[in-house]
Every structure is written in C-alpha cells, then in structure tokens.
Amino acid sequence: MIRERVCKQLYLTLLGGCEHVEYFNTIDLPMPLPTLRDDYFYVQPSADILLIRYWSFGGYYLRRENSGSVSSVDFHSNEVGVRTTIKF
C-alpha cells in the first residue's frame, strides 16, 4: 500500500497484491487427479477527503483478476464504490 497526503485534507492511496495458491488432492486414486492452482491479483486506487479529524469520505476503484489451472474458475471484476470512515 502506498498512501500520499496531497494537501491538508486529501489522501491518495494505491493498494495492490497477489496470491498464489496450489491445492493438493487428499484422496489417493489409481488415476491421478489434476493439481489445481489459482493466481489472484488485485489493484485498488482510492481518494479520501478528511472532513474532520476523525471522519473521512472517499471513493475507490477495485480491479480483481483470478487465473487458475481450470479455465472455468477464471474471473475479472471491476468495482467502484464510495466509503466513509470514522476513527475513534
């Protein structure tokens, strides 16, 4: 995560990550089952305005992508949202 204070009340944030998961078979069969894996990536830029010392309001865009060893579990997702945060 990278967060930068642009001015007294405006914060810009860039959040991102990845996860690699490999699954293993728990049942031994005469015919081996395929090994499954998932590669999950996400990136989320956002902007927040500090309304008062403990209350902020902002918006974000979230891009998620999963590519796995089985093509039926692949997905791409785009999400836009607003949020408010109260710290106490």
PDB file of N, CA and C in Angstrom:
ATOM      1  N   MET A   1       0.840  -1.167   0.000  1.00  0.00           N
ATOM      2  CA  MET A   1       0.000   0.000   0.000  1.00  0.00           C
ATOM      3  C   MET A   1       0.891   1.238   0.000  1.00  0.00           C
ATOM      4  N   ILE A   2       0.538   2.174  -0.829  1.00  0.00           N
ATOM      5  CA  ILE A   2       1.197   3.471  -0.869  1.00  0.00           C
ATOM      6  C   ILE A   2       0.116   4.510  -0.609  1.00  0.00           C
ATOM      7  N   ARG A   3       0.351   5.362   0.392  1.00  0.00           N
ATOM      8  CA  ARG A   3      -0.609   6.417   0.724  1.00  0.00           C
ATOM      9  C   ARG A   3       0.119   7.748   0.765  1.00  0.00           C
ATOM     10  N   GLU A   4      -0.428   8.729   0.085  1.00  0.00           N
ATOM     11  CA  GLU A   4       0.210  10.039  -0.005  1.00  0.00           C
ATOM     12  C   GLU A   4      -0.794  11.123   0.382  1.00  0.00           C
ATOM     13  N   ARG A   5      -0.358  12.006   1.240  1.00  0.00           N
ATOM     14  CA  ARG A   5      -1.180  13.165   1.616  1.00  0.00           C
ATOM     15  C   ARG A   5      -0.889  14.268   0.608  1.00  0.00           C
ATOM     16  N   VAL A   6      -1.857  14.588  -0.233  1.00  0.00           N
ATOM     17  CA  VAL A   6      -1.672  15.556  -1.313  1.00  0.00           C
ATOM     18  C   VAL A   6      -1.762  16.979  -0.776  1.00  0.00           C
ATOM     19  N   CYS A   7      -2.740  17.228   0.046  1.00  0.00           N
ATOM     20  CA  CYS A   7      -2.885  18.514   0.715  1.00  0.00           C
ATOM     21  C   CYS A   7      -3.429  18.247   2.118  1.00  0.00           C
ATOM     22  N   LYS A   8      -3.818  19.280   2.825  1.00  0.00           N
ATOM     23  CA  LYS A   8      -4.217  19.129   4.230  1.00  0.00           C
ATOM     24  C   LYS A   8      -5.339  18.109   4.425  1.00  0.00           C
ATOM     25  N   GLN A   9      -6.262  18.021   3.474  1.00  0.00           N
ATOM     26  CA  GLN A   9      -7.418  17.148   3.651  1.00  0.00           C
ATOM     27  C   GLN A   9      -7.556  16.027   2.630  1.00  0.00           C
ATOM     28  N   LEU A  10      -6.686  15.904   1.658  1.00  0.00           N
ATOM     29  CA  LEU A  10      -6.832  14.919   0.593  1.00  0.00           C
ATOM     30  C   LEU A  10      -5.727  13.869   0.661  1.00  0.00           C
ATOM     31  N   TYR A  11      -6.132  12.602   0.672  1.00  0.00           N
ATOM     32  CA  TYR A  11      -5.199  11.473   0.653  1.00  0.00           C
ATOM     33  C   TYR A  11      -5.460  10.637  -0.594  1.00  0.00           C
ATOM     34  N   LEU A  12      -4.399  10.253  -1.292  1.00  0.00           N
ATOM     35  CA  LEU A  12      -4.476   9.319  -2.411  1.00  0.00           C
ATOM     36  C   LEU A  12      -3.792   8.026  -1.991  1.00  0.00           C
ATOM     37  N   THR A  13      -4.419   6.905  -2.313  1.00  0.00           N
ATOM     38  CA  THR A  13      -3.900   5.603  -1.901  1.00  0.00           C
ATOM     39  C   THR A  13      -3.874   4.662  -3.089  1.00  0.00           C
ATOM     40  N   LEU A  14      -2.845   3.829  -3.166  1.00  0.00           N
ATOM     41  CA  LEU A  14      -2.768   2.758  -4.146  1.00  0.00           C
ATOM     42  C   LEU A  14      -2.477   1.475  -3.392  1.00  0.00           C
ATOM     43  N   LEU A  15      -3.397   0.533  -3.488  1.00  0.00           N
ATOM     44  CA  LEU A  15      -3.297  -0.748  -2.787  1.00  0.00           C
ATOM     45  C   LEU A  15      -3.271  -1.847  -3.832  1.00  0.00           C
ATOM     46  N   GLY A  16      -2.436  -2.829  -3.653  1.00  0.00           N
ATOM     47  CA  GLY A  16      -2.371  -3.934  -4.599  1.00  0.00           C
ATOM     48  C   GLY A  16      -1.804  -5.176  -3.954  1.00  0.00           C
ATOM     49  N   GLY A  17      -2.005  -6.295  -4.615  1.00  0.00           N
ATOM     50  CA  GLY A  17      -1.470  -7.533  -4.080  1.00  0.00           C
ATOM     51  C   GLY A  17      -1.697  -8.702  -5.015  1.00  0.00           C
ATOM     52  N   CYS A  18      -1.106  -9.814  -4.642  1.00  0.00           N
ATOM     53  CA  CYS A  18      -1.278 -11.055  -5.396  1.00  0.00           C
ATOM     54  C   CYS A  18      -1.208 -12.232  -4.427  1.00  0.00           C
ATOM     55  N   GLU A  19      -1.833 -13.308  -4.828  1.00  0.00           N
ATOM     56  CA  GLU A  19      -1.834 -14.529  -4.019  1.00  0.00           C
ATOM     57  C   GLU A  19      -1.750 -15.718  -4.956  1.00  0.00           C
ATOM     58  N   HIS A  20      -0.843 -16.631  -4.672  1.00  0.00           N
ATOM     59  CA  HIS A  20      -0.685 -17.858  -5.450  1.00  0.00           C
ATOM     60  C   HIS A  20      -1.038 -19.032  -4.543  1.00  0.00           C
ATOM     61  N   VAL A  21      -2.021 -19.830  -4.952  1.00  0.00           N
ATOM     62  CA  VAL A  21      -2.485 -20.958  -4.143  1.00  0.00           C
ATOM     63  C   VAL A  21      -2.423 -22.222  -4.987  1.00  0.00           C
ATOM     64  N   GLU A  22      -1.837 -23.264  -4.433  1.00  0.00           N
ATOM     65  CA  GLU A  22      -1.852 -24.584  -5.067  1.00  0.00           C
ATOM     66  C   GLU A  22      -2.562 -25.556  -4.147  1.00  0.00           C
ATOM     67  N   TYR A  23      -3.529 -26.280  -4.700  1.00  0.00           N
ATOM     68  CA  TYR A  23      -4.309 -27.243  -3.943  1.00  0.00           C
ATOM     69  C   TYR A  23      -3.742 -28.636  -4.172  1.00  0.00           C
ATOM     70  N   PHE A  24      -3.854 -29.488  -3.188  1.00  0.00           N
ATOM     71  CA  PHE A  24      -3.386 -30.860  -3.347  1.00  0.00           C
ATOM     72  C   PHE A  24      -4.551 -31.805  -3.085  1.00  0.00           C
ATOM     73  N   ASN A  25      -4.456 -32.994  -3.644  1.00  0.00           N
ATOM     74  CA  ASN A  25      -5.507 -33.996  -3.512  1.00  0.00           C
ATOM     75  C   ASN A  25      -5.348 -34.737  -2.193  1.00  0.00           C
ATOM     76  N   THR A  26      -6.440 -34.939  -1.493  1.00  0.00           N
ATOM     77  CA  THR A  26      -6.406 -35.653  -0.213  1.00  0.00           C
ATOM     78  C   THR A  26      -6.808 -37.109  -0.366  1.00  0.00           C
ATOM     79  N   ILE A  27      -7.264 -37.491  -1.544  1.00  0.00           N
ATOM     80  CA  ILE A  27      -7.684 -38.864  -1.795  1.00  0.00           C
ATOM     81  C   ILE A  27      -6.740 -39.482  -2.818  1.00  0.00           C
ATOM     82  N   ASP A  28      -6.195 -40.643  -2.496  1.00  0.00           N
ATOM     83  CA  ASP A  28      -5.338 -41.362  -3.450  1.00  0.00           C
ATOM     84  C   ASP A  28      -6.203 -42.263  -4.313  1.00  0.00           C
ATOM     85  N   LEU A  29      -6.184 -41.998  -5.602  1.00  0.00           N
ATOM     86  CA  LEU A  29      -6.931 -42.801  -6.563  1.00  0.00           C
ATOM     87  C   LEU A  29      -5.940 -43.442  -7.521  1.00  0.00           C
ATOM     88  N   PRO A  30      -6.346 -44.562  -8.142  1.00  0.00           N
ATOM     89  CA  PRO A  30      -5.433 -45.185  -9.120  1.00  0.00           C
ATOM     90  C   PRO A  30      -5.102 -44.245 -10.277  1.00  0.00           C
ATOM     91  N   MET A  31      -6.068 -43.424 -10.682  1.00  0.00           N
ATOM     92  CA  MET A  31      -5.837 -42.448 -11.730  1.00  0.00           C
ATOM     93  C   MET A  31      -5.621 -41.090 -11.054  1.00  0.00           C
ATOM     94  N   PRO A  32      -4.472 -40.457 -11.242  1.00  0.00           N
ATOM     95  CA  PRO A  32      -4.213 -39.199 -10.534  1.00  0.00           C
ATOM     96  C   PRO A  32      -5.129 -38.080 -11.004  1.00  0.00           C
ATOM     97  N   LEU A  33      -5.563 -37.268 -10.056  1.00  0.00           N
ATOM     98  CA  LEU A  33      -6.382 -36.096 -10.361  1.00  0.00           C
ATOM     99  C   LEU A  33      -5.470 -34.911 -10.675  1.00  0.00           C
ATOM    100  N   PRO A  34      -5.948 -33.962 -11.468  1.00  0.00           N
ATOM    101  CA  PRO A  34      -5.092 -32.803 -11.773  1.00  0.00           C
ATOM    102  C   PRO A  34      -4.879 -31.936 -10.532  1.00  0.00           C
ATOM    103  N   THR A  35      -3.718 -31.321 -10.465  1.00  0.00           N
ATOM    104  CA  THR A  35      -3.429 -30.379  -9.388  1.00  0.00           C
ATOM    105  C   THR A  35      -4.009 -29.026  -9.763  1.00  0.00           C
ATOM    106  N   LEU A  36      -4.748 -28.433  -8.837  1.00  0.00           N
ATOM    107  CA  LEU A  36      -5.382 -27.152  -9.108  1.00  0.00           C
ATOM    108  C   LEU A  36      -4.556 -26.032  -8.512  1.00  0.00           C
ATOM    109  N   ARG A  37      -4.592 -24.869  -9.182  1.00  0.00           N
ATOM    110  CA  ARG A  37      -3.901 -23.691  -8.666  1.00  0.00           C
ATOM    111  C   ARG A  37      -4.694 -22.448  -9.042  1.00  0.00           C
ATOM    112  N   ASP A  38      -4.534 -21.402  -8.249  1.00  0.00           N
ATOM    113  CA  ASP A  38      -5.170 -20.113  -8.503  1.00  0.00           C
ATOM    114  C   ASP A  38      -4.123 -19.020  -8.353  1.00  0.00           C
ATOM    115  N   ASP A  39      -4.170 -18.038  -9.239  1.00  0.00           N
ATOM    116  CA  ASP A  39      -3.351 -16.831  -9.143  1.00  0.00           C
ATOM    117  C   ASP A  39      -4.307 -15.651  -9.103  1.00  0.00           C
ATOM    118  N   TYR A  40      -4.364 -14.969  -7.958  1.00  0.00           N
ATOM    119  CA  TYR A  40      -5.311 -13.901  -7.705  1.00  0.00           C
ATOM    120  C   TYR A  40      -4.555 -12.590  -7.586  1.00  0.00           C
ATOM    121  N   PHE A  41      -4.948 -11.592  -8.387  1.00  0.00           N
ATOM    122  CA  PHE A  41      -4.311 -10.273  -8.396  1.00  0.00           C
ATOM    123  C   PHE A  41      -5.372  -9.204  -8.177  1.00  0.00           C
ATOM    124  N   TYR A  42      -4.995  -8.127  -7.505  1.00  0.00           N
ATOM    125  CA  TYR A  42      -5.913  -7.006  -7.349  1.00  0.00           C
ATOM    126  C   TYR A  42      -5.143  -5.694  -7.246  1.00  0.00           C
ATOM    127  N   VAL A  43      -5.790  -4.617  -7.671  1.00  0.00           N
ATOM    128  CA  VAL A  43      -5.238  -3.267  -7.552  1.00  0.00           C
ATOM    129  C   VAL A  43      -6.411  -2.337  -7.210  1.00  0.00           C
ATOM    130  N   GLN A  44      -6.168  -1.406  -6.272  1.00  0.00           N
ATOM    131  CA  GLN A  44      -7.238  -0.521  -5.820  1.00  0.00           C
ATOM    132  C   GLN A  44      -6.711   0.890  -5.571  1.00  0.00           C
ATOM    133  N   PRO A  45      -6.891   1.791  -6.524  1.00  0.00           N
ATOM    134  CA  PRO A  45      -6.605   3.206  -6.260  1.00  0.00           C
ATOM    135  C   PRO A  45      -7.808   3.842  -5.558  1.00  0.00           C
ATOM    136  N   SER A  46      -7.541   4.800  -4.676  1.00  0.00           N
ATOM    137  CA  SER A  46      -8.631   5.461  -3.967  1.00  0.00           C
ATOM    138  C   SER A  46      -8.233   6.880  -3.586  1.00  0.00           C
ATOM    139  N   ALA A  47      -9.243   7.685  -3.270  1.00  0.00           N
ATOM    140  CA  ALA A  47      -9.047   9.057  -2.802  1.00  0.00           C
ATOM    141  C   ALA A  47      -9.969   9.277  -1.611  1.00  0.00           C
ATOM    142  N   ASP A  48      -9.441   9.909  -0.562  1.00  0.00           N
ATOM    143  CA  ASP A  48     -10.212  10.178   0.647  1.00  0.00           C
ATOM    144  C   ASP A  48     -10.037  11.637   1.053  1.00  0.00           C
ATOM    145  N   ILE A  49     -11.128  12.249   1.472  1.00  0.00           N
ATOM    146  CA  ILE A  49     -11.118  13.624   1.959  1.00  0.00           C
ATOM    147  C   ILE A  49     -11.402  13.589   3.455  1.00  0.00           C
ATOM    148  N   LEU A  50     -10.559  14.228   4.218  1.00  0.00           N
ATOM    149  CA  LEU A  50     -10.718  14.307   5.662  1.00  0.00           C
ATOM    150  C   LEU A  50     -11.711  15.426   5.976  1.00  0.00           C
ATOM    151  N   LEU A  51     -12.906  15.056   6.425  1.00  0.00           N
ATOM    152  CA  LEU A  51     -13.944  16.043   6.732  1.00  0.00           C
ATOM    153  C   LEU A  51     -13.650  16.743   8.057  1.00  0.00           C
ATOM    154  N   ILE A  52     -13.412  15.967   9.077  1.00  0.00           N
ATOM    155  CA  ILE A  52     -12.927  16.461  10.361  1.00  0.00           C
ATOM    156  C   ILE A  52     -11.854  15.501  10.833  1.00  0.00           C
ATOM    157  N   ARG A  53     -11.243  15.741  11.948  1.00  0.00           N
ATOM    158  CA  ARG A  53     -10.065  14.993  12.389  1.00  0.00           C
ATOM    159  C   ARG A  53     -10.267  13.476  12.378  1.00  0.00           C
ATOM    160  N   TYR A  54     -11.461  12.978  12.690  1.00  0.00           N
ATOM    161  CA  TYR A  54     -11.693  11.544  12.811  1.00  0.00           C
ATOM    162  C   TYR A  54     -12.688  10.985  11.791  1.00  0.00           C
ATOM    163  N   TRP A  55     -13.127  11.788  10.835  1.00  0.00           N
ATOM    164  CA  TRP A  55     -14.133  11.331   9.876  1.00  0.00           C
ATOM    165  C   TRP A  55     -13.682  11.663   8.461  1.00  0.00           C
ATOM    166  N   SER A  56     -13.647  10.629   7.604  1.00  0.00           N
ATOM    167  CA  SER A  56     -13.255  10.844   6.206  1.00  0.00           C
ATOM    168  C   SER A  56     -14.303  10.237   5.270  1.00  0.00           C
ATOM    169  N   PHE A  57     -14.301  10.733   4.043  1.00  0.00           N
ATOM    170  CA  PHE A  57     -15.215  10.283   2.997  1.00  0.00           C
ATOM    171  C   PHE A  57     -14.397  10.114   1.727  1.00  0.00           C
ATOM    172  N   GLY A  58     -14.648   9.036   0.979  1.00  0.00           N
ATOM    173  CA  GLY A  58     -13.859   8.827  -0.219  1.00  0.00           C
ATOM    174  C   GLY A  58     -14.488   7.866  -1.200  1.00  0.00           C
ATOM    175  N   GLY A  59     -13.738   7.596  -2.249  1.00  0.00           N
ATOM    176  CA  GLY A  59     -14.168   6.673  -3.287  1.00  0.00           C
ATOM    177  C   GLY A  59     -13.010   5.817  -3.747  1.00  0.00           C
ATOM    178  N   TYR A  60     -13.327   4.694  -4.390  1.00  0.00           N
ATOM    179  CA  TYR A  60     -12.292   3.763  -4.831  1.00  0.00           C
ATOM    180  C   TYR A  60     -12.716   3.031  -6.095  1.00  0.00           C
ATOM    181  N   TYR A  61     -11.731   2.463  -6.764  1.00  0.00           N
ATOM    182  CA  TYR A  61     -11.926   1.564  -7.900  1.00  0.00           C
ATOM    183  C   TYR A  61     -11.140   0.304  -7.594  1.00  0.00           C
ATOM    184  N   LEU A  62     -11.766  -0.853  -7.725  1.00  0.00           N
ATOM    185  CA  LEU A  62     -11.104  -2.127  -7.431  1.00  0.00           C
ATOM    186  C   LEU A  62     -11.141  -3.011  -8.660  1.00  0.00           C
ATOM    187  N   ARG A  63      -9.965  -3.437  -9.113  1.00  0.00           N
ATOM    188  CA  ARG A  63      -9.845  -4.369 -10.247  1.00  0.00           C
ATOM    189  C   ARG A  63      -9.298  -5.682  -9.699  1.00  0.00           C
ATOM    190  N   ARG A  64     -10.055  -6.771  -9.887  1.00  0.00           N
ATOM    191  CA  ARG A  64      -9.617  -8.092  -9.434  1.00  0.00           C
ATOM    192  C   ARG A  64      -9.565  -9.044 -10.617  1.00  0.00           C
ATOM    193  N   GLU A  65      -8.617  -9.968 -10.540  1.00  0.00           N
ATOM    194  CA  GLU A  65      -8.460 -10.948 -11.606  1.00  0.00           C
ATOM    195  C   GLU A  65      -7.950 -12.246 -11.005  1.00  0.00           C
ATOM    196  N   ASN A  66      -8.547 -13.350 -11.416  1.00  0.00           N
ATOM    197  CA  ASN A  66      -8.112 -14.666 -10.971  1.00  0.00           C
ATOM    198  C   ASN A  66      -7.898 -15.537 -12.194  1.00  0.00           C
ATOM    199  N   SER A  67      -6.720 -16.096 -12.300  1.00  0.00           N
ATOM    200  CA  SER A  67      -6.460 -17.055 -13.368  1.00  0.00           C
ATOM    201  C   SER A  67      -6.025 -18.353 -12.710  1.00  0.00           C
ATOM    202  N   GLY A  68      -6.731 -19.416 -13.035  1.00  0.00           N
ATOM    203  CA  GLY A  68      -6.454 -20.707 -12.413  1.00  0.00           C
ATOM    204  C   GLY A  68      -6.102 -21.756 -13.445  1.00  0.00           C
ATOM    205  N   SER A  69      -5.771 -22.936 -12.936  1.00  0.00           N
ATOM    206  CA  SER A  69      -5.419 -24.033 -13.833  1.00  0.00           C
ATOM    207  C   SER A  69      -6.654 -24.606 -14.526  1.00  0.00           C
ATOM    208  N   VAL A  70      -7.841 -24.317 -14.015  1.00  0.00           N
ATOM    209  CA  VAL A  70      -9.095 -24.721 -14.652  1.00  0.00           C
ATOM    210  C   VAL A  70      -9.761 -23.444 -15.149  1.00  0.00           C
ATOM    211  N   SER A  71      -9.984 -23.337 -16.441  1.00  0.00           N
ATOM    212  CA  SER A  71     -10.456 -22.082 -17.029  1.00  0.00           C
ATOM    213  C   SER A  71     -11.842 -21.680 -16.545  1.00  0.00           C
ATOM    214  N   SER A  72     -12.642 -22.612 -16.024  1.00  0.00           N
ATOM    215  CA  SER A  72     -13.988 -22.253 -15.572  1.00  0.00           C
ATOM    216  C   SER A  72     -13.979 -21.433 -14.291  1.00  0.00           C
ATOM    217  N   VAL A  73     -12.836 -21.355 -13.578  1.00  0.00           N
ATOM    218  CA  VAL A  73     -12.774 -20.557 -12.348  1.00  0.00           C
ATOM    219  C   VAL A  73     -12.120 -19.197 -12.582  1.00  0.00           C
ATOM    220  N   ASP A  74     -11.694 -18.882 -13.792  1.00  0.00           N
ATOM    221  CA  ASP A  74     -11.110 -17.575 -14.095  1.00  0.00           C
ATOM    222  C   ASP A  74     -12.186 -16.500 -14.003  1.00  0.00           C
ATOM    223  N   PHE A  75     -11.823 -15.329 -13.510  1.00  0.00           N
ATOM    224  CA  PHE A  75     -12.761 -14.225 -13.497  1.00  0.00           C
ATOM    225  C   PHE A  75     -12.012 -12.902 -13.507  1.00  0.00           C
ATOM    226  N   HIS A  76     -12.712 -11.877 -13.955  1.00  0.00           N
ATOM    227  CA  HIS A  76     -12.251 -10.490 -13.935  1.00  0.00           C
ATOM    228  C   HIS A  76     -13.375  -9.690 -13.296  1.00  0.00           C
ATOM    229  N   SER A  77     -13.035  -8.759 -12.436  1.00  0.00           N
ATOM    230  CA  SER A  77     -14.054  -7.998 -11.730  1.00  0.00           C
ATOM    231  C   SER A  77     -13.637  -6.541 -11.638  1.00  0.00           C
ATOM    232  N   ASN A  78     -14.576  -5.647 -11.884  1.00  0.00           N
ATOM    233  CA  ASN A  78     -14.380  -4.211 -11.723  1.00  0.00           C
ATOM    234  C   ASN A  78     -15.419  -3.715 -10.734  1.00  0.00           C
ATOM    235  N   GLU A  79     -14.983  -2.924  -9.763  1.00  0.00           N
ATOM    236  CA  GLU A  79     -15.888  -2.427  -8.733  1.00  0.00           C
ATOM    237  C   GLU A  79     -15.557  -0.965  -8.447  1.00  0.00           C
ATOM    238  N   VAL A  80     -16.581  -0.147  -8.344  1.00  0.00           N
ATOM    239  CA  VAL A  80     -16.436   1.259  -7.992  1.00  0.00           C
ATOM    240  C   VAL A  80     -17.317   1.498  -6.778  1.00  0.00           C
ATOM    241  N   GLY A  81     -16.805   2.239  -5.805  1.00  0.00           N
ATOM    242  CA  GLY A  81     -17.606   2.454  -4.612  1.00  0.00           C
ATOM    243  C   GLY A  81     -17.232   3.717  -3.859  1.00  0.00           C
ATOM    244  N   VAL A  82     -18.077   4.064  -2.929  1.00  0.00           N
ATOM    245  CA  VAL A  82     -17.818   5.170  -2.012  1.00  0.00           C
ATOM    246  C   VAL A  82     -17.776   4.601  -0.596  1.00  0.00           C
ATOM    247  N   ARG A  83     -17.083   5.308   0.283  1.00  0.00           N
ATOM    248  CA  ARG A  83     -16.966   4.845   1.654  1.00  0.00           C
ATOM    249  C   ARG A  83     -16.824   6.024   2.592  1.00  0.00           C
ATOM    250  N   THR A  84     -17.148   5.774   3.839  1.00  0.00           N
ATOM    251  CA  THR A  84     -16.906   6.731   4.888  1.00  0.00           C
ATOM    252  C   THR A  84     -16.259   5.987   6.056  1.00  0.00           C
ATOM    253  N   THR A  85     -15.338   6.659   6.720  1.00  0.00           N
ATOM    254  CA  THR A  85     -14.602   6.042   7.814  1.00  0.00           C
ATOM    255  C   THR A  85     -14.627   6.957   9.032  1.00  0.00           C
ATOM    256  N   ILE A  86     -14.964   6.357  10.170  1.00  0.00           N
ATOM    257  CA  ILE A  86     -14.925   7.085  11.435  1.00  0.00           C
ATOM    258  C   ILE A  86     -13.922   6.380  12.338  1.00  0.00           C
ATOM    259  N   LYS A  87     -12.920   7.117  12.802  1.00  0.00           N
ATOM    260  CA  LYS A  87     -11.901   6.567  13.687  1.00  0.00           C
ATOM    261  C   LYS A  87     -12.121   7.091  15.089  1.00  0.00           C
ATOM    262  N   PHE A  88     -12.091   6.188  16.043  1.00  0.00           N
ATOM    263  CA  PHE A  88     -12.208   6.614  17.446  1.00  0.00           C
ATOM    264  C   PHE A  88     -11.336   5.759  18.327  1.00  0.00           C
TER     265      PHE A  88
END
